[in-house]
Amino acid sequence: MKINGKSTRTIWLGNDGRTVEVIDQTRLPFEFEILRLSDVEAAADAIERMVVRGAPLIGATAAYGLALAMATDPSSKNLEWAYDRLLRTRPTAVNLRWALDRLRPRLLEAESEQREVIAYRMAAEICDEDVEINAAIGRNGLDLIEKAAATKSRKGDPVNILTHCNAGWLATVDWGTATSPIYMAHDKGIPVHVWVDETRPRNQGASLTAYELGHHGVTHTVIPDNTGGHLMQHGQVDLVITGTDRTAASGDVCNKIGTYLKALAAKDNHVPFYVALPSPTIDFTLSDGLADIPIEQRSGDEVEKITGIAADGSVQTVHIVSEGSPVANFAFDVTPARLVSGLITEAGICEASHAGIAELFPDRARRSN
């Protein structure tokens, strides 16, 4: 996608061919800064502090983290240490483990002097594959938006899409998941308007989704998190499309906290609720998302504080919770498959169920049995 007219990915190899550069998403939307990752600890810290976030981008960063580790010390001992260090960073997004498990066996079977080259090559492959996967998600999801546009009583009325959190190109290497069909519809000339949940805490909708939609020229409106149900009741939402950090083999989807409430409101108001996801986000080892997906609990600072631009133009973080009041910060919730209209994947759109997922990805489903 583009920032100020320049094509940009979220992660790339530095000019020195060794260090890795990423967009520091903790600085957006107020400042656009590039952070250089020079070793595995820097990669792990970037994931933990949400300098990079979103399941696909976390996986890509973890892959490059192993490459940085091999550039420093290609021994098996260091490989295992780096694998464990990166695996501990974020417990919910399955792409993290998927990327590490893709690299680790290949590196262990290689001679130590070959590991650096192999790791960098495989990390780059994961990034390129993510771009292609998300483009395919966009093409498959575009059909839903085209059909919604065809039902409009007046030609030219926009398709109103509600999304939650940031499942855009900033959460992936490029294109995004939930936003990919939106970008393709916009580029095709289909009028679209996106209701952007602010998405507390961390405000990823207001800060990130709105930022990237604005740079791409997509019409959008930022709304408080609790507005979606009201809009659905009054016929102002045609589709809900969200992303997911982990999807169980049953079709249960785990996404940013608050997604479950949007799904309930969509069900009550007969609004289609779709989840866009790359297949590496599917965890075929889990059958019950509610029982089995670990829910990350993050620092209370994310609830107690908020960052914005002060009257003097400076970026400041302020405290907004009554002093002494305890806070809880559950980062994700699980939406049961029964509330999901369908899963938009790179292989097509399927029912959110064991059978639906297995039909699109029969080899992976068989291997998990």
Protein backbone atom coordinates (compact mmCIF):
# COMPACT_ATOMS: atom_id res chain seq x y z
CA MET A 1 0.00 0.00 0.00
CA LYS A 2 1.06 3.65 -0.07
CA ILE A 3 2.12 6.25 2.47
CA ASN A 4 2.30 9.75 1.03
CA GLY A 5 2.21 8.24 -2.44
CA LYS A 6 5.09 5.83 -1.84
CA SER A 7 4.56 2.06 -1.93
CA THR A 8 5.41 0.72 1.51
CA ARG A 9 5.45 -2.61 3.31
CA THR A 10 5.39 -2.96 7.08
CA ILE A 11 8.67 -4.92 7.28
CA TRP A 12 11.68 -5.18 4.99
CA LEU A 13 15.37 -6.00 4.93
CA GLY A 14 17.70 -3.04 5.52
CA ASN A 15 20.17 -1.81 2.93
CA ASP A 16 22.96 -3.65 4.72
CA GLY A 17 21.26 -6.97 3.93
CA ARG A 18 21.26 -7.98 7.59
CA THR A 19 19.22 -5.67 9.81
CA VAL A 20 15.43 -5.55 9.53
CA GLU A 21 13.37 -2.38 9.35
CA VAL A 22 9.75 -1.94 10.46
CA ILE A 23 7.23 0.86 10.83
CA ASP A 24 7.00 1.78 14.51
CA GLN A 25 3.24 1.48 14.95
CA THR A 26 3.36 2.83 18.50
CA ARG A 27 4.12 6.25 16.95
CA LEU A 28 1.21 6.28 14.51
CA PRO A 29 -0.81 8.22 13.52
CA PHE A 30 1.09 11.24 14.83
CA GLU A 31 4.59 10.33 13.70
CA PHE A 32 5.87 8.03 10.95
CA GLU A 33 9.11 6.46 12.13
CA ILE A 34 11.18 3.48 11.01
CA LEU A 35 12.72 1.24 13.66
CA ARG A 36 15.77 -0.87 12.88
CA LEU A 37 15.98 -4.36 14.41
CA SER A 38 19.57 -5.53 14.76
CA ASP A 39 19.24 -8.70 16.85
CA VAL A 40 16.73 -11.25 18.10
CA GLU A 41 16.09 -9.36 21.34
CA ALA A 42 15.13 -6.26 19.35
CA ALA A 43 12.69 -8.35 17.29
CA ALA A 44 11.16 -9.88 20.43
CA ASP A 45 10.84 -6.46 22.05
CA ALA A 46 9.16 -5.05 18.94
CA ILE A 47 6.54 -7.81 19.10
CA GLU A 48 5.98 -7.44 22.84
CA ARG A 49 5.67 -3.63 22.75
CA MET A 50 3.41 -3.82 19.68
CA VAL A 51 5.80 -1.84 17.52
CA VAL A 52 4.61 -4.53 15.12
CA ARG A 53 1.20 -6.14 15.68
CA GLY A 54 -1.37 -8.18 13.84
CA ALA A 55 -1.02 -11.95 13.53
CA PRO A 56 0.56 -12.10 10.04
CA LEU A 57 3.07 -9.33 10.75
CA ILE A 58 4.00 -10.89 14.11
CA GLY A 59 4.78 -14.12 12.26
CA ALA A 60 6.92 -12.34 9.68
CA THR A 61 8.81 -10.45 12.38
CA ALA A 62 9.43 -13.66 14.33
CA ALA A 63 10.85 -15.28 11.18
CA TYR A 64 13.26 -12.39 10.70
CA GLY A 65 14.03 -12.60 14.44
CA LEU A 66 15.36 -16.13 13.92
CA ALA A 67 17.36 -14.90 10.94
CA LEU A 68 18.93 -12.17 13.10
CA ALA A 69 19.77 -14.81 15.71
CA MET A 70 21.49 -16.98 13.08
CA ALA A 71 23.45 -13.97 11.83
CA THR A 72 24.81 -13.49 15.36
CA ASP A 73 25.37 -17.11 16.36
CA PRO A 74 24.23 -20.02 14.11
CA SER A 75 24.69 -22.67 16.79
CA SER A 76 21.83 -25.05 17.64
CA LYS A 77 21.92 -23.81 21.24
CA ASN A 78 21.33 -20.24 20.14
CA LEU A 79 18.64 -21.34 17.68
CA GLU A 80 16.69 -23.06 20.44
CA TRP A 81 17.13 -20.09 22.77
CA ALA A 82 15.95 -17.64 20.09
CA TYR A 83 12.98 -19.88 19.23
CA ASP A 84 11.87 -19.97 22.88
CA ARG A 85 12.43 -16.24 23.35
CA LEU A 86 10.31 -15.30 20.35
CA LEU A 87 7.60 -17.85 21.16
CA ARG A 88 7.03 -16.23 24.57
CA THR A 89 6.32 -12.76 23.18
CA ARG A 90 2.58 -13.02 22.35
CA PRO A 91 0.51 -16.10 23.32
CA THR A 92 -2.66 -15.63 21.26
CA ALA A 93 -1.67 -15.09 17.62
CA VAL A 94 -0.95 -18.51 16.09
CA ASN A 95 1.04 -17.11 13.15
CA LEU A 96 3.92 -16.54 15.55
CA ARG A 97 4.27 -20.25 16.30
CA TRP A 98 3.52 -21.17 12.69
CA ALA A 99 6.40 -19.06 11.35
CA LEU A 100 8.87 -20.28 13.98
CA ASP A 101 7.89 -23.92 13.42
CA ARG A 102 8.37 -23.45 9.69
CA LEU A 103 11.95 -22.24 10.09
CA ARG A 104 13.21 -24.23 13.07
CA PRO A 105 13.30 -27.80 11.61
CA ARG A 106 14.81 -26.59 8.35
CA LEU A 107 17.55 -24.74 10.22
CA LEU A 108 18.27 -27.63 12.57
CA GLU A 109 18.86 -30.02 9.67
CA ALA A 110 21.22 -27.57 7.92
CA GLU A 111 24.92 -27.12 8.61
CA SER A 112 25.56 -24.19 10.94
CA GLU A 113 27.36 -22.16 8.28
CA GLN A 114 24.27 -22.38 6.02
CA ARG A 115 21.71 -21.34 8.62
CA GLU A 116 21.96 -17.57 8.25
CA VAL A 117 21.35 -17.65 4.49
CA ILE A 118 18.50 -20.15 4.81
CA ALA A 119 16.80 -18.17 7.60
CA TYR A 120 16.87 -14.88 5.71
CA ARG A 121 15.58 -16.57 2.56
CA MET A 122 12.71 -18.26 4.39
CA ALA A 123 11.75 -15.07 6.24
CA ALA A 124 11.59 -13.22 2.91
CA GLU A 125 9.47 -16.03 1.48
CA ILE A 126 7.02 -15.76 4.37
CA CYS A 127 6.69 -12.02 3.72
CA ASP A 128 6.13 -12.45 -0.01
CA GLU A 129 3.63 -15.24 0.57
CA ASP A 130 1.71 -13.07 3.02
CA VAL A 131 1.32 -10.36 0.39
CA GLU A 132 -0.02 -12.87 -2.14
CA ILE A 133 -2.34 -14.49 0.42
CA ASN A 134 -3.85 -11.16 1.41
CA ALA A 135 -4.31 -10.12 -2.20
CA ALA A 136 -6.22 -13.37 -2.77
CA ILE A 137 -8.36 -12.67 0.31
CA GLY A 138 -9.18 -9.31 -1.24
CA ARG A 139 -10.22 -10.84 -4.54
CA ASN A 140 -12.43 -13.39 -2.80
CA GLY A 141 -14.02 -10.87 -0.47
CA LEU A 142 -14.60 -8.37 -3.27
CA ASP A 143 -17.52 -10.48 -4.47
CA LEU A 144 -19.37 -9.87 -1.19
CA ILE A 145 -19.02 -6.11 -1.57
CA GLU A 146 -20.08 -6.23 -5.22
CA LYS A 147 -23.21 -8.17 -4.29
CA ALA A 148 -24.00 -5.70 -1.50
CA ALA A 149 -23.57 -2.82 -3.94
CA ALA A 150 -26.01 -4.47 -6.37
CA THR A 151 -28.74 -4.44 -3.72
CA LYS A 152 -28.59 -0.67 -3.21
CA SER A 153 -31.86 1.05 -4.14
CA ARG A 154 -30.00 4.04 -5.55
CA LYS A 155 -27.01 3.57 -7.81
CA GLY A 156 -23.93 5.15 -6.29
CA ASP A 157 -24.96 4.72 -2.67
CA PRO A 158 -21.97 3.38 -0.75
CA VAL A 159 -21.69 -0.06 0.76
CA ASN A 160 -21.35 0.55 4.49
CA ILE A 161 -18.83 -1.81 6.10
CA LEU A 162 -18.05 -1.95 9.81
CA THR A 163 -14.71 -3.24 10.99
CA HIS A 164 -13.11 -3.64 14.40
CA CYS A 165 -9.51 -3.04 15.46
CA ASN A 166 -6.90 -2.95 12.69
CA ALA A 167 -6.93 -5.83 10.24
CA GLY A 168 -5.40 -3.65 7.56
CA TRP A 169 -2.06 -3.66 5.79
CA LEU A 170 -0.42 -2.44 8.99
CA ALA A 171 -1.36 -5.78 10.60
CA THR A 172 0.17 -7.76 7.74
CA VAL A 173 3.06 -7.31 5.33
CA ASP A 174 0.76 -5.63 2.79
CA TRP A 175 -2.93 -5.35 1.75
CA GLY A 176 -4.38 -6.46 5.09
CA THR A 177 -7.04 -9.09 5.71
CA ALA A 178 -10.37 -7.40 6.48
CA THR A 179 -9.36 -4.30 4.53
CA SER A 180 -8.09 -6.10 1.44
CA PRO A 181 -11.58 -6.53 -0.12
CA ILE A 182 -12.32 -2.90 0.81
CA TYR A 183 -9.23 -1.59 -0.97
CA MET A 184 -9.98 -3.68 -4.04
CA ALA A 185 -13.59 -2.45 -4.14
CA HIS A 186 -12.42 1.15 -3.79
CA ASP A 187 -9.80 0.71 -6.52
CA LYS A 188 -12.47 -0.79 -8.77
CA GLY A 189 -14.67 2.26 -8.35
CA ILE A 190 -17.30 0.70 -6.09
CA PRO A 191 -18.49 3.30 -3.56
CA VAL A 192 -17.60 2.09 -0.07
CA HIS A 193 -17.77 3.70 3.34
CA VAL A 194 -16.13 2.16 6.40
CA TRP A 195 -17.35 2.57 9.96
CA VAL A 196 -14.11 2.39 11.96
CA ASP A 197 -14.46 1.31 15.58
CA GLU A 198 -12.01 3.32 17.68
CA THR A 199 -11.13 0.00 19.40
CA ARG A 200 -10.19 0.64 22.99
CA PRO A 201 -7.75 0.03 24.49
CA ARG A 202 -4.86 1.18 22.29
CA ASN A 203 -7.28 2.71 19.75
CA GLN A 204 -5.99 0.68 16.82
CA GLY A 205 -9.05 1.59 14.76
CA ALA A 206 -8.83 5.34 15.31
CA SER A 207 -5.04 5.37 15.13
CA LEU A 208 -4.19 2.75 12.51
CA THR A 209 -7.21 1.75 10.41
CA ALA A 210 -8.29 5.36 9.92
CA TYR A 211 -4.68 6.30 9.13
CA GLU A 212 -4.28 3.77 6.35
CA LEU A 213 -7.79 4.21 4.90
CA GLY A 214 -7.20 7.95 4.77
CA HIS A 215 -3.88 7.54 2.97
CA HIS A 216 -5.57 5.29 0.41
CA GLY A 217 -8.51 7.66 -0.08
CA VAL A 218 -11.22 5.35 1.28
CA THR A 219 -14.21 7.17 2.78
CA HIS A 220 -14.54 6.33 6.46
CA THR A 221 -15.91 7.52 9.79
CA VAL A 222 -14.39 6.79 13.21
CA ILE A 223 -16.98 5.80 15.82
CA PRO A 224 -16.89 4.88 19.52
CA ASP A 225 -16.79 1.13 20.08
CA ASN A 226 -20.38 0.94 21.34
CA THR A 227 -21.94 2.63 18.28
CA GLY A 228 -22.02 -0.37 15.93
CA GLY A 229 -25.18 -1.93 17.34
CA HIS A 230 -27.10 1.32 16.97
CA LEU A 231 -25.97 1.68 13.36
CA MET A 232 -27.06 -1.88 12.60
CA GLN A 233 -30.48 -1.29 14.15
CA HIS A 234 -30.99 1.65 11.79
CA GLY A 235 -29.86 -0.13 8.63
CA GLN A 236 -26.58 1.74 8.30
CA VAL A 237 -24.32 -1.33 8.13
CA ASP A 238 -24.38 -3.67 5.12
CA LEU A 239 -21.47 -5.92 6.13
CA VAL A 240 -19.20 -6.49 9.09
CA ILE A 241 -15.71 -7.68 8.20
CA THR A 242 -13.11 -8.26 10.90
CA GLY A 243 -9.79 -10.03 11.12
CA THR A 244 -8.68 -12.73 13.55
CA ASP A 245 -5.53 -13.62 15.47
CA ARG A 246 -6.37 -17.31 15.75
CA THR A 247 -9.19 -19.41 14.32
CA ALA A 248 -9.99 -22.86 15.67
CA ALA A 249 -10.65 -25.78 13.32
CA SER A 250 -14.30 -25.48 14.35
CA GLY A 251 -14.57 -21.94 12.95
CA ASP A 252 -14.48 -20.15 16.31
CA VAL A 253 -12.53 -16.91 15.84
CA CYS A 254 -10.38 -15.04 18.32
CA ASN A 255 -9.94 -11.34 17.66
CA LYS A 256 -9.50 -8.03 19.46
CA ILE A 257 -11.69 -7.65 22.53
CA GLY A 258 -15.14 -6.39 21.54
CA THR A 259 -15.46 -8.46 18.37
CA TYR A 260 -17.88 -10.88 20.07
CA LEU A 261 -20.27 -8.03 20.90
CA LYS A 262 -20.25 -6.88 17.26
CA ALA A 263 -21.09 -10.42 16.15
CA LEU A 264 -24.01 -10.57 18.57
CA ALA A 265 -25.38 -7.27 17.31
CA ALA A 266 -24.94 -8.38 13.70
CA LYS A 267 -26.83 -11.62 14.36
CA ASP A 268 -29.71 -9.78 16.03
CA ASN A 269 -29.99 -7.34 13.13
CA HIS A 270 -29.47 -9.84 10.28
CA VAL A 271 -26.24 -8.16 9.17
CA PRO A 272 -23.69 -10.53 7.57
CA PHE A 273 -20.64 -10.97 9.80
CA TYR A 274 -17.53 -12.16 7.95
CA VAL A 275 -14.00 -12.83 9.17
CA ALA A 276 -11.05 -12.43 6.79
CA LEU A 277 -8.01 -14.57 7.52
CA PRO A 278 -4.92 -16.11 5.95
CA SER A 279 -4.84 -19.88 6.38
CA PRO A 280 -1.76 -19.79 8.68
CA THR A 281 -4.10 -18.17 11.23
CA ILE A 282 -6.14 -21.39 11.41
CA ASP A 283 -5.08 -23.58 14.32
CA PHE A 284 -6.05 -27.09 13.27
CA THR A 285 -5.03 -28.45 16.67
CA LEU A 286 -7.93 -26.68 18.41
CA SER A 287 -11.60 -27.64 18.18
CA ASP A 288 -13.05 -25.38 20.86
CA GLY A 289 -11.90 -21.80 20.54
CA LEU A 290 -13.58 -20.60 23.71
CA ALA A 291 -12.00 -23.30 25.86
CA ASP A 292 -8.62 -23.70 24.18
CA ILE A 293 -7.39 -20.35 22.82
CA PRO A 294 -5.23 -18.54 25.42
CA ILE A 295 -6.38 -14.97 25.98
CA GLU A 296 -3.53 -12.55 26.50
CA GLN A 297 -3.89 -10.13 29.40
CA ARG A 298 -1.83 -7.02 28.82
CA SER A 299 -0.65 -4.20 31.05
CA GLY A 300 -3.25 -2.04 32.74
CA ASP A 301 -1.38 1.01 31.42
CA GLU A 302 -3.15 0.51 28.09
CA VAL A 303 -6.50 1.08 29.83
CA GLU A 304 -5.38 3.75 32.29
CA LYS A 305 -3.60 5.96 29.78
CA ILE A 306 -4.21 7.40 26.34
CA THR A 307 -1.92 9.21 23.89
CA GLY A 308 -2.82 12.18 21.73
CA ILE A 309 -1.71 15.58 20.47
CA ALA A 310 -1.85 18.40 23.00
CA ALA A 311 -2.87 21.99 22.21
CA ASP A 312 0.78 22.94 21.74
CA GLY A 313 1.23 20.23 19.10
CA SER A 314 3.26 17.88 21.28
CA VAL A 315 2.42 14.18 21.58
CA GLN A 316 1.49 13.44 25.17
CA THR A 317 0.25 10.46 27.18
CA VAL A 318 -2.26 11.21 29.93
CA HIS A 319 -3.92 9.24 32.72
CA ILE A 320 -7.72 8.86 32.32
CA VAL A 321 -8.78 6.40 35.05
CA SER A 322 -9.70 7.40 38.59
CA GLU A 323 -6.59 7.10 40.73
CA GLY A 324 -6.48 3.87 42.70
CA SER A 325 -9.11 2.07 40.63
CA PRO A 326 -7.97 -1.39 39.49
CA VAL A 327 -8.23 -2.20 35.78
CA ALA A 328 -8.32 -5.38 33.70
CA ASN A 329 -7.02 -5.63 30.15
CA PHE A 330 -8.17 -8.74 28.28
CA ALA A 331 -6.72 -8.28 24.82
CA PHE A 332 -8.98 -10.69 22.89
CA ASP A 333 -12.32 -12.47 22.93
CA VAL A 334 -13.67 -15.47 21.05
CA THR A 335 -16.63 -15.30 18.68
CA PRO A 336 -18.36 -18.70 18.33
CA ALA A 337 -18.64 -20.09 14.82
CA ARG A 338 -22.45 -19.96 14.99
CA LEU A 339 -22.27 -16.16 14.83
CA VAL A 340 -19.95 -16.06 11.80
CA SER A 341 -21.52 -15.82 8.33
CA GLY A 342 -18.37 -17.07 6.64
CA LEU A 343 -14.58 -17.09 6.57
CA ILE A 344 -12.83 -15.20 3.76
CA THR A 345 -9.53 -16.96 3.01
CA GLU A 346 -7.03 -17.02 0.17
CA ALA A 347 -8.60 -20.29 -1.02
CA GLY A 348 -12.15 -18.95 -1.08
CA ILE A 349 -15.04 -18.25 1.28
CA CYS A 350 -16.24 -21.08 3.48
CA GLU A 351 -18.66 -21.82 6.25
CA ALA A 352 -17.24 -21.31 9.73
CA SER A 353 -17.20 -24.99 10.64
CA HIS A 354 -14.99 -28.09 10.68
CA ALA A 355 -16.47 -29.19 7.36
CA GLY A 356 -16.20 -25.80 5.72
CA ILE A 357 -12.57 -25.28 6.68
CA ALA A 358 -11.59 -28.86 5.83
CA GLU A 359 -13.11 -28.51 2.36
CA LEU A 360 -10.82 -25.56 1.57
CA PHE A 361 -7.73 -26.96 3.31
CA PRO A 362 -8.08 -30.76 3.19
CA ASP A 363 -4.35 -31.53 3.53
CA ARG A 364 -3.86 -29.50 6.69
CA ALA A 365 -7.10 -30.81 8.16
CA ARG A 366 -6.01 -34.42 7.54
CA ARG A 367 -2.58 -33.87 9.05
CA SER A 368 -4.14 -32.55 12.26
CA ASN A 369 -6.32 -35.65 12.77
